[in-house]
Amino acid sequence: PNRSVTWIEVCGIHDVAAVEQIGRQFSIHPLVLEDVLNTTQRPKFEEFDEYLFILMRVPFSNERVDAASAAPREIRFEQVSLIFGEGWIISFTESDRELFSLIRDHIINGKGRVRGQSSDYLAYYLLDLIVDHFFTVLEDLGESIEFLDEELVRDPGPALLQQIHFFKRQLLYLHKAVWPVREIIGTFERCTSKICRQDTVPYLHDVYDHIIQVLDMVETYRDLVSGMLDIYLSSISYRLNEVMKVLTIISTLFIPLTFIAGVYGMNFENMPELKW
């Protein structure tokens, strides 16, 4: 009871009045509430006297229209905000997705160490789930890239070129979303606020290692996709060379015939074969 933490989970930020009411109840700065409501903000970590503010972007893979289709899923990003102080934490998600349902079930059922811990530990737990969500999206993206690699070797075509550019854009967006998370977790780990306890630092260091792995996976996939573009250009060049080789053979066969037809098509007066 002496370490009880109040967690307010706000799913959807379209009710501006409700968000402002929560902000007044916990004395949250209006600029922080403005960042929560504005979904185009850059990820950040801000430290205040009575609370800490974390803003991140979380990727989600859209469901395929046809489950048997191999078409790549488009990645959408949604904003997640965490505001936590001594004994309380508020999470804002852009939509009503059940992003933190697993942690909520663990708290209700008393699983893990999250019950009885401080608010900074719960914030770490939420960050860890967000980073794990990056792994889930990257695994799905990796499967699509492997399938594309097989199709590229078997039958390269213009449709595959469009998919290669699609994956390059997706990985670029992912890199932009992951890189600030590394800075956020690193700053959180070095935070000297009274809200941050030293026994939470090892857990934050573990999350930091995970986000480094995510960055490595993103860079690896970017290299793979760039290599696919080179393979595609090489395959198209090889197919063009094969076509040109066939056309060259055909042209070589018709050159003597063209020469004979050209010679005998001229209007010569003294040509033995004219009277045959």
Protein backbone atom coordinates (compact mmCIF):
# COMPACT_ATOMS: atom_id res chain seq x y z
CA PRO A 1 0.00 0.00 0.00
CA ASN A 2 2.83 2.43 0.70
CA ARG A 3 4.09 1.98 -2.89
CA SER A 4 0.75 1.93 -4.69
CA VAL A 5 0.74 3.49 -8.16
CA THR A 6 -2.26 4.91 -9.99
CA TRP A 7 -2.23 4.21 -13.73
CA ILE A 8 -4.66 6.13 -15.94
CA GLU A 9 -4.82 4.68 -19.45
CA VAL A 10 -6.34 7.02 -22.05
CA CYS A 11 -7.12 5.19 -25.31
CA GLY A 12 -7.75 7.83 -27.97
CA ILE A 13 -6.96 11.53 -27.65
CA HIS A 14 -9.91 12.90 -29.62
CA ASP A 15 -11.71 14.06 -26.47
CA VAL A 16 -9.72 17.25 -25.90
CA ALA A 17 -11.83 18.31 -22.92
CA ALA A 18 -11.11 15.05 -21.07
CA VAL A 19 -7.37 15.37 -21.71
CA GLU A 20 -7.39 18.96 -20.45
CA GLN A 21 -9.31 17.92 -17.34
CA ILE A 22 -6.71 15.25 -16.57
CA GLY A 23 -3.99 17.84 -17.11
CA ARG A 24 -5.57 20.23 -14.61
CA GLN A 25 -6.02 17.43 -12.06
CA PHE A 26 -2.31 16.54 -12.15
CA SER A 27 -0.99 20.10 -12.78
CA ILE A 28 0.49 19.21 -16.16
CA HIS A 29 1.91 22.08 -18.19
CA PRO A 30 -0.32 23.19 -21.11
CA LEU A 31 2.57 22.80 -23.57
CA VAL A 32 2.90 19.15 -22.56
CA LEU A 33 -0.82 18.61 -23.18
CA GLU A 34 -0.40 20.32 -26.54
CA ASP A 35 2.35 17.84 -27.43
CA VAL A 36 0.10 14.96 -26.37
CA LEU A 37 -2.75 16.15 -28.60
CA ASN A 38 -0.50 16.99 -31.57
CA THR A 39 0.30 13.67 -33.26
CA THR A 40 3.06 15.10 -35.49
CA GLN A 41 5.53 15.74 -32.69
CA ARG A 42 9.07 14.39 -32.71
CA PRO A 43 9.77 11.77 -30.00
CA LYS A 44 11.14 13.41 -26.87
CA PHE A 45 11.94 13.06 -23.17
CA GLU A 46 11.32 16.04 -20.92
CA GLU A 47 11.97 16.37 -17.21
CA PHE A 48 9.87 18.56 -14.91
CA ASP A 49 9.92 19.10 -11.17
CA GLU A 50 6.99 16.83 -10.33
CA TYR A 51 6.78 14.54 -13.36
CA LEU A 52 8.55 13.20 -16.45
CA PHE A 53 7.20 13.25 -20.00
CA ILE A 54 7.97 10.70 -22.73
CA LEU A 55 6.58 10.88 -26.27
CA MET A 56 7.20 8.12 -28.83
CA ARG A 57 5.90 6.78 -32.13
CA VAL A 58 4.92 3.10 -32.27
CA PRO A 59 4.65 1.13 -35.54
CA PHE A 60 1.70 -1.09 -36.42
CA SER A 61 1.39 -3.43 -39.42
CA ASN A 62 -1.89 -3.17 -41.29
CA GLU A 63 -3.73 -6.43 -41.80
CA ARG A 64 -3.68 -7.93 -45.28
CA VAL A 65 -6.94 -7.89 -47.22
CA ASP A 66 -6.25 -11.45 -48.37
CA ALA A 67 -4.52 -13.67 -45.81
CA ALA A 68 -2.98 -15.79 -48.59
CA SER A 69 -1.59 -12.78 -50.39
CA ALA A 70 2.13 -12.09 -50.31
CA ALA A 71 1.70 -8.35 -50.77
CA PRO A 72 3.68 -6.37 -48.17
CA ARG A 73 1.85 -4.84 -45.26
CA GLU A 74 1.99 -1.10 -44.86
CA ILE A 75 3.37 0.16 -41.55
CA ARG A 76 1.42 2.86 -39.74
CA PHE A 77 2.77 4.89 -36.85
CA GLU A 78 0.80 6.08 -33.85
CA GLN A 79 1.86 8.37 -31.06
CA VAL A 80 2.14 7.18 -27.46
CA SER A 81 2.72 9.58 -24.56
CA LEU A 82 3.69 8.74 -20.98
CA ILE A 83 3.49 11.22 -18.11
CA PHE A 84 4.46 9.89 -14.70
CA GLY A 85 5.27 11.25 -11.27
CA GLU A 86 5.58 9.99 -7.74
CA GLY A 87 2.87 7.35 -7.38
CA TRP A 88 1.02 7.94 -10.64
CA ILE A 89 1.37 7.47 -14.39
CA ILE A 90 -0.81 8.47 -17.34
CA SER A 91 -0.53 6.84 -20.77
CA PHE A 92 -2.07 8.39 -23.89
CA THR A 93 -2.47 6.30 -27.05
CA GLU A 94 -3.56 7.83 -30.34
CA SER A 95 -6.23 5.19 -31.04
CA ASP A 96 -8.14 2.57 -29.09
CA ARG A 97 -5.67 -0.23 -29.90
CA GLU A 98 -5.04 -2.64 -27.05
CA LEU A 99 -1.33 -1.82 -26.94
CA PHE A 100 -0.91 -2.21 -23.18
CA SER A 101 -3.51 -4.95 -22.62
CA LEU A 102 -0.81 -7.51 -21.70
CA ILE A 103 0.58 -5.31 -18.93
CA ARG A 104 -2.91 -4.53 -17.71
CA ASP A 105 -3.68 -8.25 -17.46
CA HIS A 106 -0.43 -8.86 -15.57
CA ILE A 107 -1.35 -6.17 -13.04
CA ILE A 108 -4.88 -7.49 -12.58
CA ASN A 109 -3.73 -11.10 -12.23
CA GLY A 110 -0.69 -10.25 -10.10
CA LYS A 111 1.86 -11.68 -12.55
CA GLY A 112 5.47 -10.53 -12.66
CA ARG A 113 7.12 -7.83 -10.56
CA VAL A 114 5.08 -4.90 -11.77
CA ARG A 115 2.65 -4.98 -8.84
CA GLY A 116 4.07 -3.23 -5.82
CA GLN A 117 6.72 -1.37 -7.85
CA SER A 118 7.14 2.37 -8.34
CA SER A 119 5.82 4.47 -11.20
CA ASP A 120 9.21 4.63 -12.96
CA TYR A 121 9.27 0.80 -13.05
CA LEU A 122 5.81 0.78 -14.64
CA ALA A 123 7.07 3.36 -17.16
CA TYR A 124 10.00 1.04 -17.93
CA TYR A 125 7.55 -1.85 -18.34
CA LEU A 126 5.48 0.14 -20.84
CA LEU A 127 8.63 1.16 -22.76
CA ASP A 128 9.77 -2.45 -22.86
CA LEU A 129 6.44 -3.50 -24.40
CA ILE A 130 6.74 -0.73 -27.01
CA VAL A 131 10.26 -1.86 -27.94
CA ASP A 132 9.02 -5.47 -28.19
CA HIS A 133 6.35 -4.19 -30.56
CA PHE A 134 9.16 -2.92 -32.83
CA PHE A 135 10.51 -6.48 -32.95
CA THR A 136 7.08 -7.83 -33.94
CA VAL A 137 6.76 -5.38 -36.83
CA LEU A 138 10.33 -6.05 -37.98
CA GLU A 139 9.77 -9.83 -37.97
CA ASP A 140 6.74 -9.42 -40.22
CA LEU A 141 8.72 -7.06 -42.46
CA GLY A 142 11.63 -9.51 -42.58
CA GLU A 143 9.36 -12.32 -43.80
CA SER A 144 8.08 -10.11 -46.62
CA ILE A 145 11.65 -9.15 -47.57
CA GLU A 146 12.71 -12.82 -47.71
CA PHE A 147 9.74 -13.62 -49.97
CA LEU A 148 10.66 -10.67 -52.19
CA ASP A 149 14.24 -11.92 -52.43
CA GLU A 150 13.04 -15.32 -53.68
CA GLU A 151 10.69 -13.72 -56.23
CA LEU A 152 13.47 -11.42 -57.39
CA VAL A 153 15.74 -14.33 -58.25
CA ARG A 154 12.95 -16.32 -59.92
CA ASP A 155 11.16 -13.69 -62.00
CA PRO A 156 12.19 -10.03 -61.70
CA GLY A 157 9.65 -7.55 -63.04
CA PRO A 158 8.37 -3.99 -62.68
CA ALA A 159 6.01 -5.00 -59.85
CA LEU A 160 8.97 -6.18 -57.78
CA LEU A 161 10.73 -2.88 -58.37
CA GLN A 162 7.76 -1.07 -56.86
CA GLN A 163 7.89 -3.37 -53.83
CA ILE A 164 11.61 -2.69 -53.39
CA HIS A 165 10.97 1.05 -53.29
CA PHE A 166 8.04 0.41 -50.92
CA PHE A 167 10.29 -1.44 -48.47
CA LYS A 168 12.94 1.28 -48.71
CA ARG A 169 10.37 3.88 -47.66
CA GLN A 170 9.05 1.69 -44.83
CA LEU A 171 12.54 1.09 -43.46
CA LEU A 172 13.33 4.79 -43.69
CA TYR A 173 10.23 5.61 -41.62
CA LEU A 174 11.16 2.91 -39.13
CA HIS A 175 14.67 4.28 -38.76
CA LYS A 176 13.26 7.75 -38.09
CA ALA A 177 10.98 6.30 -35.41
CA VAL A 178 13.58 4.04 -33.73
CA TRP A 179 16.55 6.40 -33.55
CA PRO A 180 14.93 8.92 -31.14
CA VAL A 181 13.80 6.03 -28.89
CA ARG A 182 17.45 5.21 -28.33
CA GLU A 183 18.05 8.76 -27.12
CA ILE A 184 14.90 8.70 -24.94
CA ILE A 185 15.85 5.49 -23.13
CA GLY A 186 19.43 6.67 -22.72
CA THR A 187 18.25 9.95 -21.18
CA PHE A 188 15.77 8.12 -18.95
CA GLU A 189 18.59 5.84 -17.78
CA ARG A 190 20.76 8.84 -16.82
CA CYS A 191 17.88 10.79 -15.24
CA THR A 192 18.66 12.25 -11.81
CA SER A 193 15.08 13.11 -10.86
CA LYS A 194 13.68 11.91 -7.54
CA ILE A 195 11.08 9.98 -9.54
CA CYS A 196 13.76 7.73 -11.06
CA ARG A 197 15.08 5.11 -8.64
CA GLN A 198 18.44 3.45 -8.96
CA ASP A 199 16.99 -0.07 -8.84
CA THR A 200 15.17 0.65 -12.14
CA VAL A 201 18.39 1.57 -14.01
CA PRO A 202 19.44 -2.04 -14.81
CA TYR A 203 16.05 -2.68 -16.41
CA LEU A 204 16.36 0.48 -18.49
CA HIS A 205 19.82 -0.63 -19.59
CA ASP A 206 18.25 -3.92 -20.78
CA VAL A 207 15.67 -1.99 -22.82
CA TYR A 208 18.50 0.13 -24.24
CA ASP A 209 20.24 -3.04 -25.45
CA HIS A 210 16.98 -4.15 -27.09
CA ILE A 211 16.55 -0.88 -28.97
CA ILE A 212 20.15 -1.20 -30.21
CA GLN A 213 19.20 -4.63 -31.58
CA VAL A 214 16.19 -3.06 -33.30
CA LEU A 215 18.47 -0.47 -34.91
CA ASP A 216 20.82 -3.21 -36.10
CA MET A 217 17.90 -5.12 -37.63
CA VAL A 218 16.66 -1.99 -39.42
CA GLU A 219 20.14 -1.31 -40.82
CA THR A 220 20.49 -4.95 -41.92
CA TYR A 221 17.15 -4.89 -43.74
CA ARG A 222 18.07 -1.58 -45.40
CA ASP A 223 21.28 -3.16 -46.70
CA LEU A 224 19.32 -6.18 -47.95
CA VAL A 225 16.81 -4.03 -49.80
CA SER A 226 19.59 -1.92 -51.33
CA GLY A 227 21.26 -5.14 -52.48
CA MET A 228 17.95 -6.28 -53.98
CA LEU A 229 17.86 -3.17 -56.10
CA ASP A 230 21.32 -4.03 -57.46
CA ILE A 231 20.18 -7.62 -58.10
CA TYR A 232 17.11 -6.35 -59.94
CA LEU A 233 19.18 -4.08 -62.18
CA SER A 234 21.66 -6.90 -62.86
CA SER A 235 18.82 -9.31 -63.72
CA ILE A 236 17.22 -6.82 -66.09
CA SER A 237 20.60 -6.17 -67.72
CA TYR A 238 21.21 -9.92 -68.09
CA ARG A 239 17.79 -10.45 -69.69
CA LEU A 240 18.43 -7.54 -72.05
CA ASN A 241 21.80 -9.05 -73.02
CA GLU A 242 20.10 -12.39 -73.75
CA VAL A 243 17.55 -10.68 -76.00
CA MET A 244 20.27 -8.74 -77.78
CA LYS A 245 22.24 -11.96 -78.31
CA VAL A 246 19.27 -13.60 -80.03
CA LEU A 247 18.67 -10.53 -82.17
CA THR A 248 22.35 -10.44 -83.10
CA ILE A 249 22.28 -14.08 -84.23
CA ILE A 250 19.19 -13.43 -86.34
CA SER A 251 20.78 -10.33 -87.86
CA THR A 252 23.97 -12.29 -88.64
CA LEU A 253 21.97 -14.94 -90.49
CA PHE A 254 20.13 -12.36 -92.60
CA ILE A 255 23.15 -10.21 -93.50
CA PRO A 256 24.26 -12.44 -96.48
CA LEU A 257 20.66 -12.70 -97.71
CA THR A 258 20.27 -8.95 -97.44
CA PHE A 259 23.51 -8.48 -99.40
CA ILE A 260 22.36 -10.80 -102.19
CA ALA A 261 18.92 -9.21 -102.36
CA GLY A 262 20.52 -5.77 -102.46
CA VAL A 263 22.90 -6.66 -105.25
CA TYR A 264 20.35 -8.39 -107.44
CA GLY A 265 17.77 -5.75 -106.79
CA MET A 266 19.89 -3.16 -108.68
CA ASN A 267 19.18 -2.27 -112.34
CA PHE A 268 22.28 -3.75 -114.01
CA GLU A 269 22.35 -4.11 -117.78
CA ASN A 270 25.11 -6.72 -117.99
CA MET A 271 24.14 -9.39 -115.50
CA PRO A 272 24.21 -13.06 -116.66
CA GLU A 273 21.26 -14.12 -114.56
CA LEU A 274 18.87 -11.45 -116.03
CA LYS A 275 18.12 -13.59 -119.12
CA TRP A 276 17.66 -16.89 -117.28
